[in-house]
PDB file of N, CA and C in Angstrom:
ATOM      1  N   MET A   1     -65.999 262.222 224.603  1.00  0.00           N
ATOM      2  CA  MET A   1     -67.108 262.229 223.675  1.00  0.00           C
ATOM      3  C   MET A   1     -66.779 263.183 222.526  1.00  0.00           C
ATOM      4  N   LYS A   2     -66.861 262.682 221.311  1.00  0.00           N
ATOM      5  CA  LYS A   2     -66.568 263.490 220.136  1.00  0.00           C
ATOM      6  C   LYS A   2     -67.883 263.898 219.475  1.00  0.00           C
ATOM      7  N   LEU A   3     -68.143 265.191 219.443  1.00  0.00           N
ATOM      8  CA  LEU A   3     -69.352 265.701 218.808  1.00  0.00           C
ATOM      9  C   LEU A   3     -69.060 266.064 217.362  1.00  0.00           C
ATOM     10  N   GLU A   4     -69.939 265.640 216.476  1.00  0.00           N
ATOM     11  CA  GLU A   4     -69.810 265.953 215.059  1.00  0.00           C
ATOM     12  C   GLU A   4     -71.195 266.277 214.513  1.00  0.00           C
ATOM     13  N   ILE A   5     -71.204 266.846 213.321  1.00  0.00           N
ATOM     14  CA  ILE A   5     -72.460 267.041 212.617  1.00  0.00           C
ATOM     15  C   ILE A   5     -72.514 266.034 211.480  1.00  0.00           C
ATOM     16  N   ARG A   6     -73.718 265.739 211.005  1.00  0.00           N
ATOM     17  CA  ARG A   6     -73.889 264.749 209.953  1.00  0.00           C
ATOM     18  C   ARG A   6     -74.599 265.389 208.767  1.00  0.00           C
ATOM     19  N   CYS A   7     -74.058 265.150 207.592  1.00  0.00           N
ATOM     20  CA  CYS A   7     -74.664 265.666 206.366  1.00  0.00           C
ATOM     21  C   CYS A   7     -76.036 265.016 206.169  1.00  0.00           C
ATOM     22  N   PRO A   8     -77.080 265.822 205.974  1.00  0.00           N
ATOM     23  CA  PRO A   8     -78.413 265.237 205.785  1.00  0.00           C
ATOM     24  C   PRO A   8     -78.600 264.581 204.417  1.00  0.00           C
ATOM     25  N   PHE A   9     -77.645 264.763 203.513  1.00  0.00           N
ATOM     26  CA  PHE A   9     -77.773 264.223 202.162  1.00  0.00           C
ATOM     27  C   PHE A   9     -77.020 262.914 201.971  1.00  0.00           C
ATOM     28  N   CYS A  10     -75.867 262.748 202.644  1.00  0.00           N
ATOM     29  CA  CYS A  10     -75.070 261.532 202.433  1.00  0.00           C
ATOM     30  C   CYS A  10     -74.674 260.832 203.734  1.00  0.00           C
ATOM     31  N   GLU A  11     -75.031 261.419 204.882  1.00  0.00           N
ATOM     32  CA  GLU A  11     -74.743 260.838 206.200  1.00  0.00           C
ATOM     33  C   GLU A  11     -73.265 260.859 206.579  1.00  0.00           C
ATOM     34  N   SER A  12     -72.438 261.653 205.885  1.00  0.00           N
ATOM     35  CA  SER A  12     -71.027 261.796 206.267  1.00  0.00           C
ATOM     36  C   SER A  12     -70.919 262.654 207.524  1.00  0.00           C
ATOM     37  N   ASN A  13     -69.945 262.339 208.361  1.00  0.00           N
ATOM     38  CA  ASN A  13     -69.708 263.124 209.571  1.00  0.00           C
ATOM     39  C   ASN A  13     -68.677 264.215 209.310  1.00  0.00           C
ATOM     40  N   HIS A  14     -68.868 265.354 209.975  1.00  0.00           N
ATOM     41  CA  HIS A  14     -67.970 266.499 209.851  1.00  0.00           C
ATOM     42  C   HIS A  14     -67.758 267.108 211.229  1.00  0.00           C
ATOM     43  N   PRO A  15     -66.600 267.740 211.449  1.00  0.00           N
ATOM     44  CA  PRO A  15     -66.403 268.445 212.717  1.00  0.00           C
ATOM     45  C   PRO A  15     -67.375 269.622 212.820  1.00  0.00           C
ATOM     46  N   ILE A  16     -67.675 270.017 214.022  1.00  0.00           N
ATOM     47  CA  ILE A  16     -68.545 271.177 214.232  1.00  0.00           C
ATOM     48  C   ILE A  16     -67.840 272.416 213.692  1.00  0.00           C
ATOM     49  N   PRO A  17     -68.501 273.194 212.827  1.00  0.00           N
ATOM     50  CA  PRO A  17     -67.867 274.385 212.252  1.00  0.00           C
ATOM     51  C   PRO A  17     -67.501 275.402 213.329  1.00  0.00           C
ATOM     52  N   LEU A  18     -66.283 275.920 213.253  1.00  0.00           N
ATOM     53  CA  LEU A  18     -65.814 276.892 214.242  1.00  0.00           C
ATOM     54  C   LEU A  18     -65.826 278.318 213.717  1.00  0.00           C
ATOM     55  N   ASP A  19     -65.729 278.486 212.416  1.00  0.00           N
ATOM     56  CA  ASP A  19     -65.704 279.822 211.825  1.00  0.00           C
ATOM     57  C   ASP A  19     -67.063 280.074 211.188  1.00  0.00           C
ATOM     58  N   PHE A  20     -67.820 280.990 211.778  1.00  0.00           N
ATOM     59  CA  PHE A  20     -69.189 281.209 211.330  1.00  0.00           C
ATOM     60  C   PHE A  20     -69.274 282.075 210.080  1.00  0.00           C
ATOM     61  N   ASP A  21     -68.145 282.502 209.545  1.00  0.00           N
ATOM     62  CA  ASP A  21     -68.140 283.279 208.306  1.00  0.00           C
ATOM     63  C   ASP A  21     -67.837 282.414 207.090  1.00  0.00           C
ATOM     64  N   LEU A  22     -67.391 281.190 207.305  1.00  0.00           N
ATOM     65  CA  LEU A  22     -67.002 280.312 206.199  1.00  0.00           C
ATOM     66  C   LEU A  22     -68.156 279.439 205.733  1.00  0.00           C
ATOM     67  N   VAL A  23     -68.095 279.058 204.469  1.00  0.00           N
ATOM     68  CA  VAL A  23     -68.971 278.036 203.918  1.00  0.00           C
ATOM     69  C   VAL A  23     -68.142 276.761 203.850  1.00  0.00           C
ATOM     70  N   TYR A  24     -68.664 275.685 204.404  1.00  0.00           N
ATOM     71  CA  TYR A  24     -67.962 274.405 204.448  1.00  0.00           C
ATOM     72  C   TYR A  24     -68.532 273.480 203.371  1.00  0.00           C
ATOM     73  N   HIS A  25     -67.723 272.509 202.938  1.00  0.00           N
ATOM     74  CA  HIS A  25     -68.106 271.615 201.848  1.00  0.00           C
ATOM     75  C   HIS A  25     -68.089 270.165 202.315  1.00  0.00           C
ATOM     76  N   CYS A  26     -69.062 269.401 201.836  1.00  0.00           N
ATOM     77  CA  CYS A  26     -69.122 267.959 202.065  1.00  0.00           C
ATOM     78  C   CYS A  26     -68.675 267.262 200.784  1.00  0.00           C
ATOM     79  N   GLU A  27     -68.210 266.027 200.912  1.00  0.00           N
ATOM     80  CA  GLU A  27     -67.754 265.258 199.756  1.00  0.00           C
ATOM     81  C   GLU A  27     -68.866 265.029 198.739  1.00  0.00           C
ATOM     82  N   CYS A  28     -70.122 265.037 199.176  1.00  0.00           N
ATOM     83  CA  CYS A  28     -71.245 264.761 198.273  1.00  0.00           C
ATOM     84  C   CYS A  28     -71.647 265.976 197.439  1.00  0.00           C
ATOM     85  N   GLY A  29     -71.016 267.117 197.679  1.00  0.00           N
ATOM     86  CA  GLY A  29     -71.345 268.324 196.928  1.00  0.00           C
ATOM     87  C   GLY A  29     -72.190 269.318 197.701  1.00  0.00           C
ATOM     88  N   ALA A  30     -72.680 268.923 198.855  1.00  0.00           N
ATOM     89  CA  ALA A  30     -73.458 269.850 199.685  1.00  0.00           C
ATOM     90  C   ALA A  30     -72.520 270.867 200.334  1.00  0.00           C
ATOM     91  N   CYS A  31     -73.060 272.033 200.631  1.00  0.00           N
ATOM     92  CA  CYS A  31     -72.324 273.063 201.361  1.00  0.00           C
ATOM     93  C   CYS A  31     -73.142 273.452 202.579  1.00  0.00           C
ATOM     94  N   TYR A  32     -72.458 273.892 203.631  1.00  0.00           N
ATOM     95  CA  TYR A  32     -73.172 274.259 204.849  1.00  0.00           C
ATOM     96  C   TYR A  32     -72.493 275.419 205.543  1.00  0.00           C
ATOM     97  N   LYS A  33     -73.283 276.106 206.363  1.00  0.00           N
ATOM     98  CA  LYS A  33     -72.797 277.292 207.065  1.00  0.00           C
ATOM     99  C   LYS A  33     -73.631 277.493 208.321  1.00  0.00           C
ATOM    100  N   VAL A  34     -72.988 278.000 209.366  1.00  0.00           N
ATOM    101  CA  VAL A  34     -73.689 278.384 210.587  1.00  0.00           C
ATOM    102  C   VAL A  34     -74.094 279.841 210.448  1.00  0.00           C
ATOM    103  N   CYS A  35     -75.340 280.147 210.802  1.00  0.00           N
ATOM    104  CA  CYS A  35     -75.793 281.535 210.721  1.00  0.00           C
ATOM    105  C   CYS A  35     -76.835 281.795 211.798  1.00  0.00           C
ATOM    106  N   SER A  36     -77.055 283.058 212.087  1.00  0.00           N
ATOM    107  CA  SER A  36     -78.099 283.406 213.046  1.00  0.00           C
ATOM    108  C   SER A  36     -79.454 283.300 212.353  1.00  0.00           C
ATOM    109  N   GLY A  37     -80.484 283.108 213.146  1.00  0.00           N
ATOM    110  CA  GLY A  37     -81.824 282.923 212.605  1.00  0.00           C
ATOM    111  C   GLY A  37     -82.315 284.088 211.775  1.00  0.00           C
ATOM    112  N   ASN A  38     -81.860 285.292 212.089  1.00  0.00           N
ATOM    113  CA  ASN A  38     -82.317 286.460 211.335  1.00  0.00           C
ATOM    114  C   ASN A  38     -81.453 286.723 210.103  1.00  0.00           C
ATOM    115  N   ASN A  39     -80.507 285.840 209.811  1.00  0.00           N
ATOM    116  CA  ASN A  39     -79.615 286.045 208.671  1.00  0.00           C
ATOM    117  C   ASN A  39     -79.604 284.833 207.726  1.00  0.00           C
ATOM    118  N   ILE A  40     -80.655 284.037 207.773  1.00  0.00           N
ATOM    119  CA  ILE A  40     -80.694 282.811 206.971  1.00  0.00           C
ATOM    120  C   ILE A  40     -80.666 283.119 205.475  1.00  0.00           C
ATOM    121  N   GLU A  41     -81.440 284.104 205.043  1.00  0.00           N
ATOM    122  CA  GLU A  41     -81.508 284.404 203.611  1.00  0.00           C
ATOM    123  C   GLU A  41     -80.142 284.814 203.063  1.00  0.00           C
ATOM    124  N   ASN A  42     -79.437 285.697 203.757  1.00  0.00           N
ATOM    125  CA  ASN A  42     -78.103 286.112 203.303  1.00  0.00           C
ATOM    126  C   ASN A  42     -77.133 284.938 203.301  1.00  0.00           C
ATOM    127  N   SER A  43     -77.237 284.080 204.297  1.00  0.00           N
ATOM    128  CA  SER A  43     -76.356 282.915 204.365  1.00  0.00           C
ATOM    129  C   SER A  43     -76.634 281.946 203.224  1.00  0.00           C
ATOM    130  N   MET A  44     -77.903 281.803 202.851  1.00  0.00           N
ATOM    131  CA  MET A  44     -78.235 280.921 201.736  1.00  0.00           C
ATOM    132  C   MET A  44     -77.647 281.454 200.431  1.00  0.00           C
ATOM    133  N   VAL A  45     -77.665 282.764 200.246  1.00  0.00           N
ATOM    134  CA  VAL A  45     -77.050 283.359 199.054  1.00  0.00           C
ATOM    135  C   VAL A  45     -75.540 283.131 199.078  1.00  0.00           C
ATOM    136  N   HIS A  46     -74.927 283.271 200.261  1.00  0.00           N
ATOM    137  CA  HIS A  46     -73.486 283.034 200.403  1.00  0.00           C
ATOM    138  C   HIS A  46     -73.144 281.585 200.048  1.00  0.00           C
ATOM    139  N   ILE A  47     -73.929 280.643 200.544  1.00  0.00           N
ATOM    140  CA  ILE A  47     -73.696 279.233 200.234  1.00  0.00           C
ATOM    141  C   ILE A  47     -73.908 278.981 198.739  1.00  0.00           C
ATOM    142  N   ALA A  48     -74.978 279.540 198.181  1.00  0.00           N
ATOM    143  CA  ALA A  48     -75.282 279.335 196.757  1.00  0.00           C
ATOM    144  C   ALA A  48     -74.158 279.845 195.866  1.00  0.00           C
ATOM    145  N   SER A  49     -73.495 280.918 196.281  1.00  0.00           N
ATOM    146  CA  SER A  49     -72.391 281.446 195.472  1.00  0.00           C
ATOM    147  C   SER A  49     -71.186 280.508 195.465  1.00  0.00           C
ATOM    148  N   GLU A  50     -71.138 279.581 196.411  1.00  0.00           N
ATOM    149  CA  GLU A  50     -70.087 278.556 196.429  1.00  0.00           C
ATOM    150  C   GLU A  50     -70.439 277.392 195.500  1.00  0.00           C
ATOM    151  N   ILE A  51     -71.731 277.208 195.254  1.00  0.00           N
ATOM    152  CA  ILE A  51     -72.194 276.064 194.473  1.00  0.00           C
ATOM    153  C   ILE A  51     -72.310 276.396 192.989  1.00  0.00           C
ATOM    154  N   TRP A  52     -72.801 277.596 192.679  1.00  0.00           N
ATOM    155  CA  TRP A  52     -73.041 277.991 191.298  1.00  0.00           C
ATOM    156  C   TRP A  52     -72.144 279.150 190.895  1.00  0.00           C
ATOM    157  N   SER A  53     -71.894 279.266 189.590  1.00  0.00           N
ATOM    158  CA  SER A  53     -71.152 280.416 189.061  1.00  0.00           C
ATOM    159  C   SER A  53     -72.046 281.657 189.142  1.00  0.00           C
ATOM    160  N   ASP A  54     -71.475 282.831 188.933  1.00  0.00           N
ATOM    161  CA  ASP A  54     -72.252 284.072 188.987  1.00  0.00           C
ATOM    162  C   ASP A  54     -73.380 284.078 187.957  1.00  0.00           C
ATOM    163  N   ASP A  55     -73.098 283.604 186.745  1.00  0.00           N
ATOM    164  CA  ASP A  55     -74.128 283.565 185.699  1.00  0.00           C
ATOM    165  C   ASP A  55     -75.248 282.592 186.051  1.00  0.00           C
ATOM    166  N   GLU A  56     -74.875 281.418 186.538  1.00  0.00           N
ATOM    167  CA  GLU A  56     -75.886 280.435 186.943  1.00  0.00           C
ATOM    168  C   GLU A  56     -76.731 280.976 188.087  1.00  0.00           C
ATOM    169  N   LEU A  57     -76.083 281.601 189.043  1.00  0.00           N
ATOM    170  CA  LEU A  57     -76.793 282.128 190.204  1.00  0.00           C
ATOM    171  C   LEU A  57     -77.773 283.227 189.802  1.00  0.00           C
ATOM    172  N   ALA A  58     -77.374 284.105 188.885  1.00  0.00           N
ATOM    173  CA  ALA A  58     -78.272 285.163 188.408  1.00  0.00           C
ATOM    174  C   ALA A  58     -79.506 284.556 187.733  1.00  0.00           C
ATOM    175  N   PHE A  59     -79.303 283.509 186.936  1.00  0.00           N
ATOM    176  CA  PHE A  59     -80.427 282.836 186.283  1.00  0.00           C
ATOM    177  C   PHE A  59     -81.350 282.196 187.319  1.00  0.00           C
ATOM    178  N   LEU A  60     -80.772 281.507 188.283  1.00  0.00           N
ATOM    179  CA  LEU A  60     -81.568 280.823 189.300  1.00  0.00           C
ATOM    180  C   LEU A  60     -82.384 281.798 190.138  1.00  0.00           C
ATOM    181  N   MET A  61     -81.794 282.948 190.457  1.00  0.00           N
ATOM    182  CA  MET A  61     -82.496 283.945 191.274  1.00  0.00           C
ATOM    183  C   MET A  61     -83.660 284.562 190.493  1.00  0.00           C
ATOM    184  N   ALA A  62     -83.590 284.519 189.152  1.00  0.00           N
ATOM    185  CA  ALA A  62     -84.636 285.118 188.328  1.00  0.00           C
ATOM    186  C   ALA A  62     -85.789 284.151 188.048  1.00  0.00           C
ATOM    187  N   THR A  63     -85.625 282.883 188.383  1.00  0.00           N
ATOM    188  CA  THR A  63     -86.674 281.895 188.129  1.00  0.00           C
ATOM    189  C   THR A  63     -87.256 281.415 189.445  1.00  0.00           C
ATOM    190  N   GLU A  64     -88.410 280.764 189.352  1.00  0.00           N
ATOM    191  CA  GLU A  64     -89.051 280.234 190.553  1.00  0.00           C
ATOM    192  C   GLU A  64     -88.923 278.722 190.640  1.00  0.00           C
ATOM    193  N   SER A  65     -88.097 278.144 189.804  1.00  0.00           N
ATOM    194  CA  SER A  65     -87.914 276.699 189.804  1.00  0.00           C
ATOM    195  C   SER A  65     -87.018 276.270 190.954  1.00  0.00           C
ATOM    196  N   GLN A  66     -87.152 275.015 191.326  1.00  0.00           N
ATOM    197  CA  GLN A  66     -86.337 274.465 192.401  1.00  0.00           C
ATOM    198  C   GLN A  66     -85.111 273.789 191.796  1.00  0.00           C
ATOM    199  N   PHE A  67     -83.923 274.276 192.181  1.00  0.00           N
ATOM    200  CA  PHE A  67     -82.677 273.726 191.656  1.00  0.00           C
ATOM    201  C   PHE A  67     -81.781 273.165 192.754  1.00  0.00           C
ATOM    202  N   CYS A  68     -82.279 273.154 193.994  1.00  0.00           N
ATOM    203  CA  CYS A  68     -81.446 272.652 195.085  1.00  0.00           C
ATOM    204  C   CYS A  68     -82.331 272.142 196.213  1.00  0.00           C
ATOM    205  N   ASP A  69     -81.712 271.410 197.108  1.00  0.00           N
ATOM    206  CA  ASP A  69     -82.367 270.962 198.330  1.00  0.00           C
ATOM    207  C   ASP A  69     -81.762 271.734 199.488  1.00  0.00           C
ATOM    208  N   VAL A  70     -82.604 272.151 200.414  1.00  0.00           N
ATOM    209  CA  VAL A  70     -82.155 272.944 201.561  1.00  0.00           C
ATOM    210  C   VAL A  70     -82.623 272.266 202.840  1.00  0.00           C
ATOM    211  N   VAL A  71     -81.724 272.159 203.812  1.00  0.00           N
ATOM    212  CA  VAL A  71     -82.060 271.660 205.140  1.00  0.00           C
ATOM    213  C   VAL A  71     -81.579 272.698 206.142  1.00  0.00           C
ATOM    214  N   ILE A  72     -82.469 273.119 207.028  1.00  0.00           N
ATOM    215  CA  ILE A  72     -82.102 274.080 208.070  1.00  0.00           C
ATOM    216  C   ILE A  72     -82.271 273.398 209.419  1.00  0.00           C
ATOM    217  N   GLU A  73     -81.172 273.282 210.144  1.00  0.00           N
ATOM    218  CA  GLU A  73     -81.197 272.699 211.482  1.00  0.00           C
ATOM    219  C   GLU A  73     -81.239 273.841 212.485  1.00  0.00           C
ATOM    220  N   ARG A  74     -82.361 273.983 213.156  1.00  0.00           N
ATOM    221  CA  ARG A  74     -82.551 275.073 214.106  1.00  0.00           C
ATOM    222  C   ARG A  74     -81.919 274.714 215.457  1.00  0.00           C
ATOM    223  N   ASP A  75     -81.792 275.712 216.310  1.00  0.00           N
ATOM    224  CA  ASP A  75     -81.234 275.536 217.662  1.00  0.00           C
ATOM    225  C   ASP A  75     -79.832 274.945 217.643  1.00  0.00           C
ATOM    226  N   PHE A  76     -79.041 275.315 216.647  1.00  0.00           N
ATOM    227  CA  PHE A  76     -77.670 274.817 216.550  1.00  0.00           C
ATOM    228  C   PHE A  76     -76.817 275.337 217.700  1.00  0.00           C
ATOM    229  N   ASP A  77     -77.235 276.447 218.311  1.00  0.00           N
ATOM    230  CA  ASP A  77     -76.475 277.003 219.430  1.00  0.00           C
ATOM    231  C   ASP A  77     -76.444 276.048 220.617  1.00  0.00           C
ATOM    232  N   ARG A  78     -77.435 275.177 220.742  1.00  0.00           N
ATOM    233  CA  ARG A  78     -77.400 274.191 221.837  1.00  0.00           C
ATOM    234  C   ARG A  78     -76.236 273.222 221.657  1.00  0.00           C
ATOM    235  N   LEU A  79     -75.953 272.830 220.411  1.00  0.00           N
ATOM    236  CA  LEU A  79     -74.805 271.960 220.144  1.00  0.00           C
ATOM    237  C   LEU A  79     -73.500 272.698 220.406  1.00  0.00           C
ATOM    238  N   ILE A  80     -73.440 273.977 220.024  1.00  0.00           N
ATOM    239  CA  ILE A  80     -72.247 274.785 220.292  1.00  0.00           C
ATOM    240  C   ILE A  80     -72.010 274.878 221.800  1.00  0.00           C
ATOM    241  N   ASN A  81     -73.066 275.103 222.570  1.00  0.00           N
ATOM    242  CA  ASN A  81     -72.932 275.183 224.028  1.00  0.00           C
ATOM    243  C   ASN A  81     -72.448 273.863 224.613  1.00  0.00           C
ATOM    244  N   LEU A  82     -72.973 272.758 224.116  1.00  0.00           N
ATOM    245  CA  LEU A  82     -72.537 271.444 224.591  1.00  0.00           C
ATOM    246  C   LEU A  82     -71.074 271.211 224.248  1.00  0.00           C
ATOM    247  N   LYS A  83     -70.668 271.589 223.044  1.00  0.00           N
ATOM    248  CA  LYS A  83     -69.269 271.445 222.632  1.00  0.00           C
ATOM    249  C   LYS A  83     -68.364 272.265 223.541  1.00  0.00           C
ATOM    250  N   GLN A  84     -68.783 273.486 223.904  1.00  0.00           N
ATOM    251  CA  GLN A  84     -67.983 274.329 224.787  1.00  0.00           C
ATOM    252  C   GLN A  84     -67.839 273.697 226.167  1.00  0.00           C
ATOM    253  N   GLU A  85     -68.897 273.069 226.652  1.00  0.00           N
ATOM    254  CA  GLU A  85     -68.845 272.422 227.960  1.00  0.00           C
ATOM    255  C   GLU A  85     -67.890 271.233 227.964  1.00  0.00           C
ATOM    256  N   LEU A  86     -67.821 270.503 226.854  1.00  0.00           N
ATOM    257  CA  LEU A  86     -66.990 269.303 226.783  1.00  0.00           C
ATOM    258  C   LEU A  86     -65.541 269.584 226.411  1.00  0.00           C
ATOM    259  N   ASP A  87     -65.292 270.687 225.732  1.00  0.00           N
ATOM    260  CA  ASP A  87     -63.948 270.990 225.234  1.00  0.00           C
ATOM    261  C   ASP A  87     -63.544 272.384 225.679  1.00  0.00           C
ATOM    262  N   GLU A  88     -62.665 272.469 226.652  1.00  0.00           N
ATOM    263  CA  GLU A  88     -62.265 273.776 227.182  1.00  0.00           C
ATOM    264  C   GLU A  88     -61.447 274.587 226.186  1.00  0.00           C
ATOM    265  N   ASN A  89     -60.888 273.948 225.156  1.00  0.00           N
ATOM    266  CA  ASN A  89     -60.114 274.665 224.137  1.00  0.00           C
ATOM    267  C   ASN A  89     -60.969 275.131 222.964  1.00  0.00           C
ATOM    268  N   PHE A  90     -62.250 274.817 223.003  1.00  0.00           N
ATOM    269  CA  PHE A  90     -63.159 275.181 221.913  1.00  0.00           C
ATOM    270  C   PHE A  90     -63.350 276.694 221.888  1.00  0.00           C
ATOM    271  N   LEU A  91     -63.068 277.287 220.726  1.00  0.00           N
ATOM    272  CA  LEU A  91     -63.214 278.734 220.582  1.00  0.00           C
ATOM    273  C   LEU A  91     -63.826 279.039 219.218  1.00  0.00           C
ATOM    274  N   PRO A  92     -65.167 279.165 219.175  1.00  0.00           N
ATOM    275  CA  PRO A  92     -65.782 279.494 217.892  1.00  0.00           C
ATOM    276  C   PRO A  92     -65.466 280.929 217.493  1.00  0.00           C
ATOM    277  N   ARG A  93     -65.501 281.188 216.213  1.00  0.00           N
ATOM    278  CA  ARG A  93     -65.212 282.527 215.702  1.00  0.00           C
ATOM    279  C   ARG A  93     -66.528 283.201 215.351  1.00  0.00           C
ATOM    280  N   PHE A  94     -66.905 284.193 216.144  1.00  0.00           N
ATOM    281  CA  PHE A  94     -68.157 284.917 215.932  1.00  0.00           C
ATOM    282  C   PHE A  94     -67.836 286.270 215.318  1.00  0.00           C
ATOM    283  N   CYS A  95     -67.996 286.414 214.020  1.00  0.00           N
ATOM    284  CA  CYS A  95     -67.716 287.707 213.398  1.00  0.00           C
ATOM    285  C   CYS A  95     -68.986 288.503 213.174  1.00  0.00           C
ATOM    286  N   LYS A  96     -69.933 287.938 212.467  1.00  0.00           N
ATOM    287  CA  LYS A  96     -71.166 288.657 212.167  1.00  0.00           C
ATOM    288  C   LYS A  96     -72.321 288.005 212.907  1.00  0.00           C
ATOM    289  N   TYR A  97     -72.096 287.617 214.107  1.00  0.00           N
ATOM    290  CA  TYR A  97     -73.061 286.828 214.849  1.00  0.00           C
ATOM    291  C   TYR A  97     -73.753 287.684 215.898  1.00  0.00           C
ATOM    292  N   ASP A  98     -75.068 287.621 215.926  1.00  0.00           N
ATOM    293  CA  ASP A  98     -75.866 288.299 216.943  1.00  0.00           C
ATOM    294  C   ASP A  98     -76.010 287.343 218.118  1.00  0.00           C
ATOM    295  N   GLU A  99     -75.345 287.649 219.213  1.00  0.00           N
ATOM    296  CA  GLU A  99     -75.338 286.718 220.350  1.00  0.00           C
ATOM    297  C   GLU A  99     -76.709 286.518 220.977  1.00  0.00           C
ATOM    298  N   HIS A 100     -77.677 287.366 220.654  1.00  0.00           N
ATOM    299  CA  HIS A 100     -79.017 287.227 221.210  1.00  0.00           C
ATOM    300  C   HIS A 100     -79.936 286.417 220.294  1.00  0.00           C
ATOM    301  N   GLY A 101     -79.464 286.094 219.107  1.00  0.00           N
ATOM    302  CA  GLY A 101     -80.265 285.313 218.164  1.00  0.00           C
ATOM    303  C   GLY A 101     -79.911 283.842 218.227  1.00  0.00           C
ATOM    304  N   ASP A 102     -80.815 283.021 217.748  1.00  0.00           N
ATOM    305  CA  ASP A 102     -80.568 281.584 217.693  1.00  0.00           C
ATOM    306  C   ASP A 102     -79.682 281.258 216.499  1.00  0.00           C
ATOM    307  N   LEU A 103     -78.848 280.242 216.669  1.00  0.00           N
ATOM    308  CA  LEU A 103     -77.992 279.785 215.571  1.00  0.00           C
ATOM    309  C   LEU A 103     -78.683 278.670 214.803  1.00  0.00           C
ATOM    310  N   ASN A 104     -78.434 278.644 213.512  1.00  0.00           N
ATOM    311  CA  ASN A 104     -78.951 277.604 212.640  1.00  0.00           C
ATOM    312  C   ASN A 104     -77.803 277.055 211.811  1.00  0.00           C
ATOM    313  N   LEU A 105     -77.927 275.817 211.416  1.00  0.00           N
ATOM    314  CA  LEU A 105     -76.983 275.208 210.485  1.00  0.00           C
ATOM    315  C   LEU A 105     -77.740 275.002 209.180  1.00  0.00           C
ATOM    316  N   VAL A 106     -77.288 275.668 208.121  1.00  0.00           N
ATOM    317  CA  VAL A 106     -77.978 275.632 206.831  1.00  0.00           C
ATOM    318  C   VAL A 106     -77.174 274.770 205.862  1.00  0.00           C
ATOM    319  N   TRP A 107     -77.834 273.788 205.267  1.00  0.00           N
ATOM    320  CA  TRP A 107     -77.236 272.908 204.263  1.00  0.00           C
ATOM    321  C   TRP A 107     -77.920 273.163 202.930  1.00  0.00           C
ATOM    322  N   ILE A 108     -77.150 273.230 201.856  1.00  0.00           N
ATOM    323  CA  ILE A 108     -77.707 273.338 200.506  1.00  0.00           C
ATOM    324  C   ILE A 108     -76.951 272.363 199.606  1.00  0.00           C
ATOM    325  N   LYS A 109     -77.723 271.626 198.803  1.00  0.00           N
ATOM    326  CA  LYS A 109     -77.110 270.720 197.828  1.00  0.00           C
ATOM    327  C   LYS A 109     -77.763 270.943 196.478  1.00  0.00           C
ATOM    328  N   ARG A 110     -76.938 271.114 195.487  1.00  0.00           N
ATOM    329  CA  ARG A 110     -77.391 271.317 194.109  1.00  0.00           C
ATOM    330  C   ARG A 110     -78.028 270.036 193.594  1.00  0.00           C
ATOM    331  N   GLU A 111     -79.182 270.169 192.935  1.00  0.00           N
ATOM    332  CA  GLU A 111     -79.812 268.999 192.324  1.00  0.00           C
ATOM    333  C   GLU A 111     -79.058 268.633 191.062  1.00  0.00           C
ATOM    334  N   ASN A 112     -78.929 267.341 190.814  1.00  0.00           N
ATOM    335  CA  ASN A 112     -78.214 266.877 189.612  1.00  0.00           C
ATOM    336  C   ASN A 112     -79.126 266.796 188.425  1.00  0.00           C
TER     337      ASN A 112
END
């Protein structure tokens, strides 16, 4: 059984992210990252810095307008646990991860 995640914007399949410090990219322009539930805001800023330049990001942070779509998939740790059960070679990289917190998968896509 091959477990994958699916982009909520274009329905493309991607491997389950193994490095929780990286921001991953989809072909449709969306970016995603695994983060703990108590670190969603910082992770969203990290993802946004991959999508926009520093000047654009400073402008966006200063306004209250909506310039992107965000999808947060909660309880992502259940998928990680299932992947570990199915694949004995699976080794996620937990650098800034609180093992007592829930994992989330955060997707952000810039509006055109």
